[in-house]
Amino acid sequence: MTRAVFQLQYPESDAAAAAPAEVTVTGEVDVTNVEEFTRSVRDVPGPRPVILQLSGVKYLDSAGFAALDRLLEQDAIVLVLSPESFMYRVAELMCLPIHHDAETARRVLQENAT
């Protein structure tokens, strides 16, 4: 079985910021790397939840969706997913709480904090 590869990209300067980091995920997340993916998201420095931009993900299997669901339950992430993403319809069917852009996600976080 070939191991899937993903990348997390986030500004290093956000590490000490008071606002949650916005992390962009690219590549593929599946059963071969889901534990590494989960650990990597949990290790992102800064306050929680992390804004997780998933629109650049090329493949996400059921193990990846289960990891997202667990991270959501722990209030570790907020999901951003463009309606043009292949994952958008699946995320809707799974009733995942998704935002169309990071600005909306950040605004909702601010509103919920007050």
PDB file of N, CA and C in Angstrom:
ATOM      1  N   MET A   1       0.843  -1.170   0.000  1.00  0.00           N
ATOM      2  CA  MET A   1       0.000   0.000   0.000  1.00  0.00           C
ATOM      3  C   MET A   1       0.892   1.240   0.000  1.00  0.00           C
ATOM      4  N   THR A   2       0.632   2.159  -0.882  1.00  0.00           N
ATOM      5  CA  THR A   2       1.377   3.407  -0.962  1.00  0.00           C
ATOM      6  C   THR A   2       0.902   4.359   0.129  1.00  0.00           C
ATOM      7  N   ARG A   3       1.850   5.005   0.751  1.00  0.00           N
ATOM      8  CA  ARG A   3       1.514   5.937   1.832  1.00  0.00           C
ATOM      9  C   ARG A   3       1.095   7.284   1.250  1.00  0.00           C
ATOM     10  N   ALA A   4      -0.041   7.787   1.698  1.00  0.00           N
ATOM     11  CA  ALA A   4      -0.522   9.099   1.281  1.00  0.00           C
ATOM     12  C   ALA A   4       0.338  10.182   1.940  1.00  0.00           C
ATOM     13  N   VAL A   5       0.373  11.350   1.300  1.00  0.00           N
ATOM     14  CA  VAL A   5       1.178  12.465   1.795  1.00  0.00           C
ATOM     15  C   VAL A   5       0.297  13.702   1.915  1.00  0.00           C
ATOM     16  N   PHE A   6       0.443  14.408   3.027  1.00  0.00           N
ATOM     17  CA  PHE A   6      -0.260  15.674   3.226  1.00  0.00           C
ATOM     18  C   PHE A   6       0.758  16.704   3.680  1.00  0.00           C
ATOM     19  N   GLN A   7       0.376  17.959   3.576  1.00  0.00           N
ATOM     20  CA  GLN A   7       1.195  19.055   4.080  1.00  0.00           C
ATOM     21  C   GLN A   7       0.294  20.003   4.870  1.00  0.00           C
ATOM     22  N   LEU A   8       0.838  20.526   5.956  1.00  0.00           N
ATOM     23  CA  LEU A   8       0.177  21.590   6.707  1.00  0.00           C
ATOM     24  C   LEU A   8       1.010  22.847   6.510  1.00  0.00           C
ATOM     25  N   GLN A   9       0.352  23.931   6.127  1.00  0.00           N
ATOM     26  CA  GLN A   9       1.055  25.196   5.954  1.00  0.00           C
ATOM     27  C   GLN A   9       0.393  26.234   6.839  1.00  0.00           C
ATOM     28  N   TYR A  10       1.223  26.888   7.645  1.00  0.00           N
ATOM     29  CA  TYR A  10       0.726  27.971   8.488  1.00  0.00           C
ATOM     30  C   TYR A  10       1.860  28.944   8.741  1.00  0.00           C
ATOM     31  N   PRO A  11       1.527  30.202   8.933  1.00  0.00           N
ATOM     32  CA  PRO A  11       2.562  31.207   9.171  1.00  0.00           C
ATOM     33  C   PRO A  11       3.245  30.957  10.518  1.00  0.00           C
ATOM     34  N   GLU A  12       4.554  30.891  10.512  1.00  0.00           N
ATOM     35  CA  GLU A  12       5.311  30.715  11.758  1.00  0.00           C
ATOM     36  C   GLU A  12       5.053  31.857  12.723  1.00  0.00           C
ATOM     37  N   SER A  13       4.837  33.056  12.201  1.00  0.00           N
ATOM     38  CA  SER A  13       4.643  34.227  13.056  1.00  0.00           C
ATOM     39  C   SER A  13       3.351  34.150  13.861  1.00  0.00           C
ATOM     40  N   ASP A  14       2.404  33.304  13.452  1.00  0.00           N
ATOM     41  CA  ASP A  14       1.138  33.169  14.179  1.00  0.00           C
ATOM     42  C   ASP A  14       1.272  32.332  15.443  1.00  0.00           C
ATOM     43  N   ALA A  15       2.438  31.715  15.656  1.00  0.00           N
ATOM     44  CA  ALA A  15       2.600  30.777  16.764  1.00  0.00           C
ATOM     45  C   ALA A  15       2.258  31.395  18.122  1.00  0.00           C
ATOM     46  N   ALA A  16       2.612  32.650  18.324  1.00  0.00           N
ATOM     47  CA  ALA A  16       2.362  33.268  19.625  1.00  0.00           C
ATOM     48  C   ALA A  16       1.164  34.209  19.611  1.00  0.00           C
ATOM     49  N   ALA A  17       0.455  34.248  18.496  1.00  0.00           N
ATOM     50  CA  ALA A  17      -0.675  35.172  18.360  1.00  0.00           C
ATOM     51  C   ALA A  17      -1.827  34.749  19.264  1.00  0.00           C
ATOM     52  N   ALA A  18      -2.636  35.736  19.632  1.00  0.00           N
ATOM     53  CA  ALA A  18      -3.801  35.461  20.469  1.00  0.00           C
ATOM     54  C   ALA A  18      -4.930  34.830  19.663  1.00  0.00           C
ATOM     55  N   ALA A  19      -4.944  35.075  18.356  1.00  0.00           N
ATOM     56  CA  ALA A  19      -5.992  34.523  17.498  1.00  0.00           C
ATOM     57  C   ALA A  19      -5.607  33.122  17.034  1.00  0.00           C
ATOM     58  N   PRO A  20      -6.597  32.280  16.769  1.00  0.00           N
ATOM     59  CA  PRO A  20      -6.290  30.940  16.270  1.00  0.00           C
ATOM     60  C   PRO A  20      -5.541  30.988  14.937  1.00  0.00           C
ATOM     61  N   ALA A  21      -4.638  30.051  14.753  1.00  0.00           N
ATOM     62  CA  ALA A  21      -3.890  29.941  13.509  1.00  0.00           C
ATOM     63  C   ALA A  21      -4.803  29.441  12.398  1.00  0.00           C
ATOM     64  N   GLU A  22      -4.517  29.905  11.183  1.00  0.00           N
ATOM     65  CA  GLU A  22      -5.194  29.364  10.003  1.00  0.00           C
ATOM     66  C   GLU A  22      -4.216  28.423   9.324  1.00  0.00           C
ATOM     67  N   VAL A  23      -4.583  27.156   9.241  1.00  0.00           N
ATOM     68  CA  VAL A  23      -3.717  26.124   8.695  1.00  0.00           C
ATOM     69  C   VAL A  23      -4.318  25.607   7.396  1.00  0.00           C
ATOM     70  N   THR A  24      -3.506  25.586   6.339  1.00  0.00           N
ATOM     71  CA  THR A  24      -3.949  25.071   5.052  1.00  0.00           C
ATOM     72  C   THR A  24      -3.438  23.647   4.893  1.00  0.00           C
ATOM     73  N   VAL A  25      -4.355  22.733   4.576  1.00  0.00           N
ATOM     74  CA  VAL A  25      -3.998  21.335   4.364  1.00  0.00           C
ATOM     75  C   VAL A  25      -4.047  21.055   2.869  1.00  0.00           C
ATOM     76  N   THR A  26      -2.988  20.434   2.347  1.00  0.00           N
ATOM     77  CA  THR A  26      -2.952  20.001   0.955  1.00  0.00           C
ATOM     78  C   THR A  26      -2.538  18.538   0.913  1.00  0.00           C
ATOM     79  N   GLY A  27      -2.758  17.919  -0.227  1.00  0.00           N
ATOM     80  CA  GLY A  27      -2.359  16.525  -0.389  1.00  0.00           C
ATOM     81  C   GLY A  27      -3.488  15.571  -0.096  1.00  0.00           C
ATOM     82  N   GLU A  28      -3.136  14.440   0.510  1.00  0.00           N
ATOM     83  CA  GLU A  28      -4.087  13.362   0.758  1.00  0.00           C
ATOM     84  C   GLU A  28      -4.006  12.894   2.200  1.00  0.00           C
ATOM     85  N   VAL A  29      -5.164  12.585   2.774  1.00  0.00           N
ATOM     86  CA  VAL A  29      -5.222  12.021   4.121  1.00  0.00           C
ATOM     87  C   VAL A  29      -6.042  10.741   4.029  1.00  0.00           C
ATOM     88  N   ASP A  30      -5.411   9.633   4.443  1.00  0.00           N
ATOM     89  CA  ASP A  30      -6.125   8.359   4.451  1.00  0.00           C
ATOM     90  C   ASP A  30      -5.614   7.508   5.606  1.00  0.00           C
ATOM     91  N   VAL A  31      -6.008   6.265   5.616  1.00  0.00           N
ATOM     92  CA  VAL A  31      -5.665   5.370   6.713  1.00  0.00           C
ATOM     93  C   VAL A  31      -4.151   5.242   6.904  1.00  0.00           C
ATOM     94  N   THR A  32      -3.366   5.467   5.859  1.00  0.00           N
ATOM     95  CA  THR A  32      -1.913   5.306   5.978  1.00  0.00           C
ATOM     96  C   THR A  32      -1.237   6.449   6.718  1.00  0.00           C
ATOM     97  N   ASN A  33      -1.883   7.602   6.804  1.00  0.00           N
ATOM     98  CA  ASN A  33      -1.241   8.741   7.460  1.00  0.00           C
ATOM     99  C   ASN A  33      -2.158   9.516   8.406  1.00  0.00           C
ATOM    100  N   VAL A  34      -3.314   8.973   8.705  1.00  0.00           N
ATOM    101  CA  VAL A  34      -4.298   9.708   9.507  1.00  0.00           C
ATOM    102  C   VAL A  34      -3.806   9.992  10.927  1.00  0.00           C
ATOM    103  N   GLU A  35      -3.044   9.078  11.510  1.00  0.00           N
ATOM    104  CA  GLU A  35      -2.519   9.331  12.858  1.00  0.00           C
ATOM    105  C   GLU A  35      -1.519  10.485  12.838  1.00  0.00           C
ATOM    106  N   GLU A  36      -0.657  10.513  11.837  1.00  0.00           N
ATOM    107  CA  GLU A  36       0.294  11.610  11.681  1.00  0.00           C
ATOM    108  C   GLU A  36      -0.435  12.928  11.434  1.00  0.00           C
ATOM    109  N   PHE A  37      -1.486  12.889  10.605  1.00  0.00           N
ATOM    110  CA  PHE A  37      -2.291  14.077  10.334  1.00  0.00           C
ATOM    111  C   PHE A  37      -2.896  14.618  11.635  1.00  0.00           C
ATOM    112  N   THR A  38      -3.528  13.749  12.400  1.00  0.00           N
ATOM    113  CA  THR A  38      -4.170  14.163  13.648  1.00  0.00           C
ATOM    114  C   THR A  38      -3.143  14.760  14.607  1.00  0.00           C
ATOM    115  N   ARG A  39      -2.016  14.099  14.756  1.00  0.00           N
ATOM    116  CA  ARG A  39      -0.954  14.586  15.634  1.00  0.00           C
ATOM    117  C   ARG A  39      -0.438  15.956  15.163  1.00  0.00           C
ATOM    118  N   SER A  40      -0.268  16.099  13.845  1.00  0.00           N
ATOM    119  CA  SER A  40       0.226  17.359  13.291  1.00  0.00           C
ATOM    120  C   SER A  40      -0.738  18.507  13.560  1.00  0.00           C
ATOM    121  N   VAL A  41      -2.026  18.251  13.422  1.00  0.00           N
ATOM    122  CA  VAL A  41      -3.027  19.297  13.689  1.00  0.00           C
ATOM    123  C   VAL A  41      -3.023  19.644  15.172  1.00  0.00           C
ATOM    124  N   ARG A  42      -2.947  18.645  16.030  1.00  0.00           N
ATOM    125  CA  ARG A  42      -2.924  18.913  17.480  1.00  0.00           C
ATOM    126  C   ARG A  42      -1.667  19.683  17.893  1.00  0.00           C
ATOM    127  N   ASP A  43      -0.572  19.503  17.154  1.00  0.00           N
ATOM    128  CA  ASP A  43       0.701  20.148  17.496  1.00  0.00           C
ATOM    129  C   ASP A  43       0.835  21.576  16.955  1.00  0.00           C
ATOM    130  N   VAL A  44      -0.150  22.050  16.206  1.00  0.00           N
ATOM    131  CA  VAL A  44      -0.088  23.428  15.709  1.00  0.00           C
ATOM    132  C   VAL A  44      -0.082  24.355  16.921  1.00  0.00           C
ATOM    133  N   PRO A  45       0.908  25.258  16.996  1.00  0.00           N
ATOM    134  CA  PRO A  45       0.968  26.154  18.157  1.00  0.00           C
ATOM    135  C   PRO A  45      -0.159  27.186  18.145  1.00  0.00           C
ATOM    136  N   GLY A  46      -0.509  27.645  19.329  1.00  0.00           N
ATOM    137  CA  GLY A  46      -1.510  28.696  19.439  1.00  0.00           C
ATOM    138  C   GLY A  46      -2.804  28.208  20.047  1.00  0.00           C
ATOM    139  N   PRO A  47      -3.742  29.146  20.186  1.00  0.00           N
ATOM    140  CA  PRO A  47      -5.032  28.816  20.812  1.00  0.00           C
ATOM    141  C   PRO A  47      -5.889  27.918  19.930  1.00  0.00           C
ATOM    142  N   ARG A  48      -6.855  27.317  20.567  1.00  0.00           N
ATOM    143  CA  ARG A  48      -7.809  26.449  19.877  1.00  0.00           C
ATOM    144  C   ARG A  48      -9.158  27.126  19.842  1.00  0.00           C
ATOM    145  N   PRO A  49      -9.959  26.836  18.853  1.00  0.00           N
ATOM    146  CA  PRO A  49      -9.717  25.907  17.762  1.00  0.00           C
ATOM    147  C   PRO A  49      -8.849  26.514  16.653  1.00  0.00           C
ATOM    148  N   VAL A  50      -8.165  25.645  15.932  1.00  0.00           N
ATOM    149  CA  VAL A  50      -7.387  26.020  14.755  1.00  0.00           C
ATOM    150  C   VAL A  50      -8.348  26.105  13.576  1.00  0.00           C
ATOM    151  N   ILE A  51      -8.163  27.102  12.722  1.00  0.00           N
ATOM    152  CA  ILE A  51      -8.970  27.211  11.502  1.00  0.00           C
ATOM    153  C   ILE A  51      -8.284  26.341  10.452  1.00  0.00           C
ATOM    154  N   LEU A  52      -8.943  25.266  10.047  1.00  0.00           N
ATOM    155  CA  LEU A  52      -8.367  24.271   9.152  1.00  0.00           C
ATOM    156  C   LEU A  52      -8.959  24.422   7.756  1.00  0.00           C
ATOM    157  N   GLN A  53      -8.151  24.941   6.833  1.00  0.00           N
ATOM    158  CA  GLN A  53      -8.562  25.155   5.441  1.00  0.00           C
ATOM    159  C   GLN A  53      -8.314  23.866   4.666  1.00  0.00           C
ATOM    160  N   LEU A  54      -9.396  23.207   4.221  1.00  0.00           N
ATOM    161  CA  LEU A  54      -9.307  21.901   3.571  1.00  0.00           C
ATOM    162  C   LEU A  54      -9.546  21.936   2.066  1.00  0.00           C
ATOM    163  N   SER A  55      -9.746  23.095   1.495  1.00  0.00           N
ATOM    164  CA  SER A  55     -10.123  23.173   0.082  1.00  0.00           C
ATOM    165  C   SER A  55      -9.057  22.623  -0.862  1.00  0.00           C
ATOM    166  N   GLY A  56      -7.799  22.573  -0.429  1.00  0.00           N
ATOM    167  CA  GLY A  56      -6.721  22.068  -1.269  1.00  0.00           C
ATOM    168  C   GLY A  56      -6.447  20.579  -1.124  1.00  0.00           C
ATOM    169  N   VAL A  57      -7.223  19.895  -0.292  1.00  0.00           N
ATOM    170  CA  VAL A  57      -7.040  18.455  -0.118  1.00  0.00           C
ATOM    171  C   VAL A  57      -7.521  17.740  -1.375  1.00  0.00           C
ATOM    172  N   LYS A  58      -6.709  16.817  -1.860  1.00  0.00           N
ATOM    173  CA  LYS A  58      -7.041  16.080  -3.086  1.00  0.00           C
ATOM    174  C   LYS A  58      -7.767  14.765  -2.807  1.00  0.00           C
ATOM    175  N   TYR A  59      -7.589  14.212  -1.602  1.00  0.00           N
ATOM    176  CA  TYR A  59      -8.227  12.946  -1.260  1.00  0.00           C
ATOM    177  C   TYR A  59      -8.358  12.854   0.250  1.00  0.00           C
ATOM    178  N   LEU A  60      -9.506  12.388   0.712  1.00  0.00           N
ATOM    179  CA  LEU A  60      -9.760  12.173   2.132  1.00  0.00           C
ATOM    180  C   LEU A  60     -10.667  10.964   2.247  1.00  0.00           C
ATOM    181  N   ASP A  61     -10.174   9.900   2.871  1.00  0.00           N
ATOM    182  CA  ASP A  61     -11.009   8.702   2.993  1.00  0.00           C
ATOM    183  C   ASP A  61     -11.789   8.728   4.309  1.00  0.00           C
ATOM    184  N   SER A  62     -12.464   7.629   4.609  1.00  0.00           N
ATOM    185  CA  SER A  62     -13.305   7.588   5.810  1.00  0.00           C
ATOM    186  C   SER A  62     -12.481   7.766   7.087  1.00  0.00           C
ATOM    187  N   ALA A  63     -11.241   7.295   7.108  1.00  0.00           N
ATOM    188  CA  ALA A  63     -10.382   7.496   8.276  1.00  0.00           C
ATOM    189  C   ALA A  63     -10.095   8.989   8.472  1.00  0.00           C
ATOM    190  N   GLY A  64      -9.902   9.709   7.373  1.00  0.00           N
ATOM    191  CA  GLY A  64      -9.676  11.150   7.440  1.00  0.00           C
ATOM    192  C   GLY A  64     -10.899  11.890   7.943  1.00  0.00           C
ATOM    193  N   PHE A  65     -12.080  11.505   7.436  1.00  0.00           N
ATOM    194  CA  PHE A  65     -13.309  12.140   7.923  1.00  0.00           C
ATOM    195  C   PHE A  65     -13.535  11.824   9.398  1.00  0.00           C
ATOM    196  N   ALA A  66     -13.229  10.602   9.819  1.00  0.00           N
ATOM    197  CA  ALA A  66     -13.380  10.243  11.235  1.00  0.00           C
ATOM    198  C   ALA A  66     -12.436  11.080  12.103  1.00  0.00           C
ATOM    199  N   ALA A  67     -11.213  11.330  11.615  1.00  0.00           N
ATOM    200  CA  ALA A  67     -10.260  12.161  12.360  1.00  0.00           C
ATOM    201  C   ALA A  67     -10.790  13.583  12.491  1.00  0.00           C
ATOM    202  N   LEU A  68     -11.334  14.127  11.402  1.00  0.00           N
ATOM    203  CA  LEU A  68     -11.920  15.469  11.466  1.00  0.00           C
ATOM    204  C   LEU A  68     -13.056  15.509  12.483  1.00  0.00           C
ATOM    205  N   ASP A  69     -13.885  14.483  12.475  1.00  0.00           N
ATOM    206  CA  ASP A  69     -15.014  14.417  13.403  1.00  0.00           C
ATOM    207  C   ASP A  69     -14.524  14.406  14.852  1.00  0.00           C
ATOM    208  N   ARG A  70     -13.475  13.643  15.153  1.00  0.00           N
ATOM    209  CA  ARG A  70     -12.926  13.604  16.513  1.00  0.00           C
ATOM    210  C   ARG A  70     -12.343  14.966  16.905  1.00  0.00           C
ATOM    211  N   LEU A  71     -11.605  15.585  15.982  1.00  0.00           N
ATOM    212  CA  LEU A  71     -11.025  16.901  16.264  1.00  0.00           C
ATOM    213  C   LEU A  71     -12.115  17.950  16.495  1.00  0.00           C
ATOM    214  N   LEU A  72     -13.204  17.860  15.740  1.00  0.00           N
ATOM    215  CA  LEU A  72     -14.333  18.765  15.946  1.00  0.00           C
ATOM    216  C   LEU A  72     -14.955  18.555  17.325  1.00  0.00           C
ATOM    217  N   GLU A  73     -15.130  17.298  17.726  1.00  0.00           N
ATOM    218  CA  GLU A  73     -15.704  16.997  19.042  1.00  0.00           C
ATOM    219  C   GLU A  73     -14.857  17.566  20.168  1.00  0.00           C
ATOM    220  N   GLN A  74     -13.543  17.643  19.962  1.00  0.00           N
ATOM    221  CA  GLN A  74     -12.614  18.162  20.973  1.00  0.00           C
ATOM    222  C   GLN A  74     -12.459  19.682  20.881  1.00  0.00           C
ATOM    223  N   ASP A  75     -13.229  20.322  19.998  1.00  0.00           N
ATOM    224  CA  ASP A  75     -13.112  21.768  19.761  1.00  0.00           C
ATOM    225  C   ASP A  75     -11.694  22.172  19.387  1.00  0.00           C
ATOM    226  N   ALA A  76     -11.015  21.288  18.678  1.00  0.00           N
ATOM    227  CA  ALA A  76      -9.630  21.549  18.270  1.00  0.00           C
ATOM    228  C   ALA A  76      -9.561  22.279  16.938  1.00  0.00           C
ATOM    229  N   ILE A  77     -10.625  22.177  16.127  1.00  0.00           N
ATOM    230  CA  ILE A  77     -10.605  22.758  14.780  1.00  0.00           C
ATOM    231  C   ILE A  77     -11.938  23.390  14.419  1.00  0.00           C
ATOM    232  N   VAL A  78     -11.854  24.280  13.442  1.00  0.00           N
ATOM    233  CA  VAL A  78     -13.003  24.827  12.735  1.00  0.00           C
ATOM    234  C   VAL A  78     -12.701  24.578  11.264  1.00  0.00           C
ATOM    235  N   LEU A  79     -13.662  24.068  10.521  1.00  0.00           N
ATOM    236  CA  LEU A  79     -13.411  23.673   9.133  1.00  0.00           C
ATOM    237  C   LEU A  79     -13.778  24.759   8.138  1.00  0.00           C
ATOM    238  N   VAL A  80     -12.901  24.949   7.160  1.00  0.00           N
ATOM    239  CA  VAL A  80     -13.151  25.833   6.025  1.00  0.00           C
ATOM    240  C   VAL A  80     -13.044  24.981   4.779  1.00  0.00           C
ATOM    241  N   LEU A  81     -14.074  25.054   3.956  1.00  0.00           N
ATOM    242  CA  LEU A  81     -14.130  24.234   2.753  1.00  0.00           C
ATOM    243  C   LEU A  81     -14.882  24.985   1.670  1.00  0.00           C
ATOM    244  N   SER A  82     -14.212  25.228   0.582  1.00  0.00           N
ATOM    245  CA  SER A  82     -14.821  25.936  -0.539  1.00  0.00           C
ATOM    246  C   SER A  82     -15.908  25.074  -1.179  1.00  0.00           C
ATOM    247  N   PRO A  83     -17.005  25.687  -1.602  1.00  0.00           N
ATOM    248  CA  PRO A  83     -18.055  24.925  -2.298  1.00  0.00           C
ATOM    249  C   PRO A  83     -17.557  24.254  -3.577  1.00  0.00           C
ATOM    250  N   GLU A  84     -16.444  24.717  -4.120  1.00  0.00           N
ATOM    251  CA  GLU A  84     -15.885  24.112  -5.332  1.00  0.00           C
ATOM    252  C   GLU A  84     -15.059  22.855  -5.041  1.00  0.00           C
ATOM    253  N   SER A  85     -14.757  22.604  -3.781  1.00  0.00           N
ATOM    254  CA  SER A  85     -13.954  21.446  -3.407  1.00  0.00           C
ATOM    255  C   SER A  85     -14.735  20.153  -3.633  1.00  0.00           C
ATOM    256  N   PHE A  86     -14.024  19.101  -4.028  1.00  0.00           N
ATOM    257  CA  PHE A  86     -14.677  17.808  -4.220  1.00  0.00           C
ATOM    258  C   PHE A  86     -15.265  17.288  -2.907  1.00  0.00           C
ATOM    259  N   MET A  87     -14.712  17.713  -1.790  1.00  0.00           N
ATOM    260  CA  MET A  87     -15.154  17.226  -0.482  1.00  0.00           C
ATOM    261  C   MET A  87     -16.397  17.935   0.041  1.00  0.00           C
ATOM    262  N   TYR A  88     -16.761  19.035  -0.570  1.00  0.00           N
ATOM    263  CA  TYR A  88     -17.822  19.874  -0.026  1.00  0.00           C
ATOM    264  C   TYR A  88     -19.139  19.112   0.140  1.00  0.00           C
ATOM    265  N   ARG A  89     -19.581  18.444  -0.892  1.00  0.00           N
ATOM    266  CA  ARG A  89     -20.870  17.740  -0.843  1.00  0.00           C
ATOM    267  C   ARG A  89     -20.847  16.627   0.202  1.00  0.00           C
ATOM    268  N   VAL A  90     -19.740  15.916   0.286  1.00  0.00           N
ATOM    269  CA  VAL A  90     -19.621  14.846   1.284  1.00  0.00           C
ATOM    270  C   VAL A  90     -19.677  15.439   2.690  1.00  0.00           C
ATOM    271  N   ALA A  91     -18.968  16.537   2.910  1.00  0.00           N
ATOM    272  CA  ALA A  91     -18.984  17.197   4.221  1.00  0.00           C
ATOM    273  C   ALA A  91     -20.397  17.649   4.583  1.00  0.00           C
ATOM    274  N   GLU A  92     -21.130  18.154   3.589  1.00  0.00           N
ATOM    275  CA  GLU A  92     -22.529  18.551   3.829  1.00  0.00           C
ATOM    276  C   GLU A  92     -23.379  17.344   4.216  1.00  0.00           C
ATOM    277  N   LEU A  93     -23.223  16.261   3.476  1.00  0.00           N
ATOM    278  CA  LEU A  93     -24.010  15.049   3.764  1.00  0.00           C
ATOM    279  C   LEU A  93     -23.706  14.501   5.148  1.00  0.00           C
ATOM    280  N   MET A  94     -22.469  14.688   5.591  1.00  0.00           N
ATOM    281  CA  MET A  94     -22.071  14.219   6.925  1.00  0.00           C
ATOM    282  C   MET A  94     -22.430  15.231   8.006  1.00  0.00           C
ATOM    283  N   CYS A  95     -23.038  16.353   7.614  1.00  0.00           N
ATOM    284  CA  CYS A  95     -23.442  17.417   8.538  1.00  0.00           C
ATOM    285  C   CYS A  95     -22.259  17.988   9.321  1.00  0.00           C
ATOM    286  N   LEU A  96     -21.092  18.054   8.657  1.00  0.00           N
ATOM    287  CA  LEU A  96     -19.947  18.684   9.292  1.00  0.00           C
ATOM    288  C   LEU A  96     -20.150  20.194   9.285  1.00  0.00           C
ATOM    289  N   PRO A  97     -19.804  20.854  10.371  1.00  0.00           N
ATOM    290  CA  PRO A  97     -19.950  22.315  10.425  1.00  0.00           C
ATOM    291  C   PRO A  97     -18.826  22.973   9.612  1.00  0.00           C
ATOM    292  N   ILE A  98     -19.155  23.422   8.421  1.00  0.00           N
ATOM    293  CA  ILE A  98     -18.144  23.992   7.533  1.00  0.00           C
ATOM    294  C   ILE A  98     -18.443  25.459   7.255  1.00  0.00           C
ATOM    295  N   HIS A  99     -17.371  26.201   7.005  1.00  0.00           N
ATOM    296  CA  HIS A  99     -17.462  27.603   6.610  1.00  0.00           C
ATOM    297  C   HIS A  99     -16.857  27.719   5.218  1.00  0.00           C
ATOM    298  N   HIS A 100     -17.345  28.649   4.428  1.00  0.00           N
ATOM    299  CA  HIS A 100     -16.868  28.807   3.052  1.00  0.00           C
ATOM    300  C   HIS A 100     -15.522  29.500   2.967  1.00  0.00           C
ATOM    301  N   ASP A 101     -15.176  30.283   3.969  1.00  0.00           N
ATOM    302  CA  ASP A 101     -13.893  30.987   3.941  1.00  0.00           C
ATOM    303  C   ASP A 101     -13.414  31.228   5.370  1.00  0.00           C
ATOM    304  N   ALA A 102     -12.122  31.537   5.484  1.00  0.00           N
ATOM    305  CA  ALA A 102     -11.504  31.722   6.803  1.00  0.00           C
ATOM    306  C   ALA A 102     -12.051  32.947   7.521  1.00  0.00           C
ATOM    307  N   GLU A 103     -12.394  33.996   6.778  1.00  0.00           N
ATOM    308  CA  GLU A 103     -12.919  35.202   7.410  1.00  0.00           C
ATOM    309  C   GLU A 103     -14.224  34.909   8.143  1.00  0.00           C
ATOM    310  N   THR A 104     -15.090  34.128   7.505  1.00  0.00           N
ATOM    311  CA  THR A 104     -16.351  33.750   8.141  1.00  0.00           C
ATOM    312  C   THR A 104     -16.092  32.904   9.373  1.00  0.00           C
ATOM    313  N   ALA A 105     -15.187  31.964   9.270  1.00  0.00           N
ATOM    314  CA  ALA A 105     -14.853  31.103  10.414  1.00  0.00           C
ATOM    315  C   ALA A 105     -14.325  31.937  11.570  1.00  0.00           C
ATOM    316  N   ARG A 106     -13.428  32.874  11.269  1.00  0.00           N
ATOM    317  CA  ARG A 106     -12.848  33.727  12.308  1.00  0.00           C
ATOM    318  C   ARG A 106     -13.938  34.597  12.964  1.00  0.00           C
ATOM    319  N   ARG A 107     -14.852  35.128  12.152  1.00  0.00           N
ATOM    320  CA  ARG A 107     -15.942  35.960  12.678  1.00  0.00           C
ATOM    321  C   ARG A 107     -16.839  35.139  13.611  1.00  0.00           C
ATOM    322  N   VAL A 108     -17.172  33.918  13.224  1.00  0.00           N
ATOM    323  CA  VAL A 108     -18.008  33.057  14.072  1.00  0.00           C
ATOM    324  C   VAL A 108     -17.299  32.751  15.381  1.00  0.00           C
ATOM    325  N   LEU A 109     -15.997  32.499  15.319  1.00  0.00           N
ATOM    326  CA  LEU A 109     -15.230  32.249  16.548  1.00  0.00           C
ATOM    327  C   LEU A 109     -15.267  33.458  17.473  1.00  0.00           C
ATOM    328  N   GLN A 110     -15.118  34.651  16.904  1.00  0.00           N
ATOM    329  CA  GLN A 110     -15.147  35.878  17.701  1.00  0.00           C
ATOM    330  C   GLN A 110     -16.518  36.088  18.323  1.00  0.00           C
ATOM    331  N   GLU A 111     -17.576  35.837  17.551  1.00  0.00           N
ATOM    332  CA  GLU A 111     -18.932  35.998  18.070  1.00  0.00           C
ATOM    333  C   GLU A 111     -19.211  35.014  19.198  1.00  0.00           C
ATOM    334  N   ASN A 112     -18.727  33.790  19.067  1.00  0.00           N
ATOM    335  CA  ASN A 112     -18.952  32.782  20.088  1.00  0.00           C
ATOM    336  C   ASN A 112     -18.135  33.024  21.349  1.00  0.00           C
ATOM    337  N   ALA A 113     -17.051  33.794  21.219  1.00  0.00           N
ATOM    338  CA  ALA A 113     -16.196  34.091  22.360  1.00  0.00           C
ATOM    339  C   ALA A 113     -16.774  35.174  23.255  1.00  0.00           C
ATOM    340  N   THR A 114     -17.709  35.958  22.710  1.00  0.00           N
ATOM    341  CA  THR A 114     -18.266  37.064  23.496  1.00  0.00           C
ATOM    342  C   THR A 114     -19.526  36.670  24.202  1.00  0.00           C
TER     343      THR A 114
END
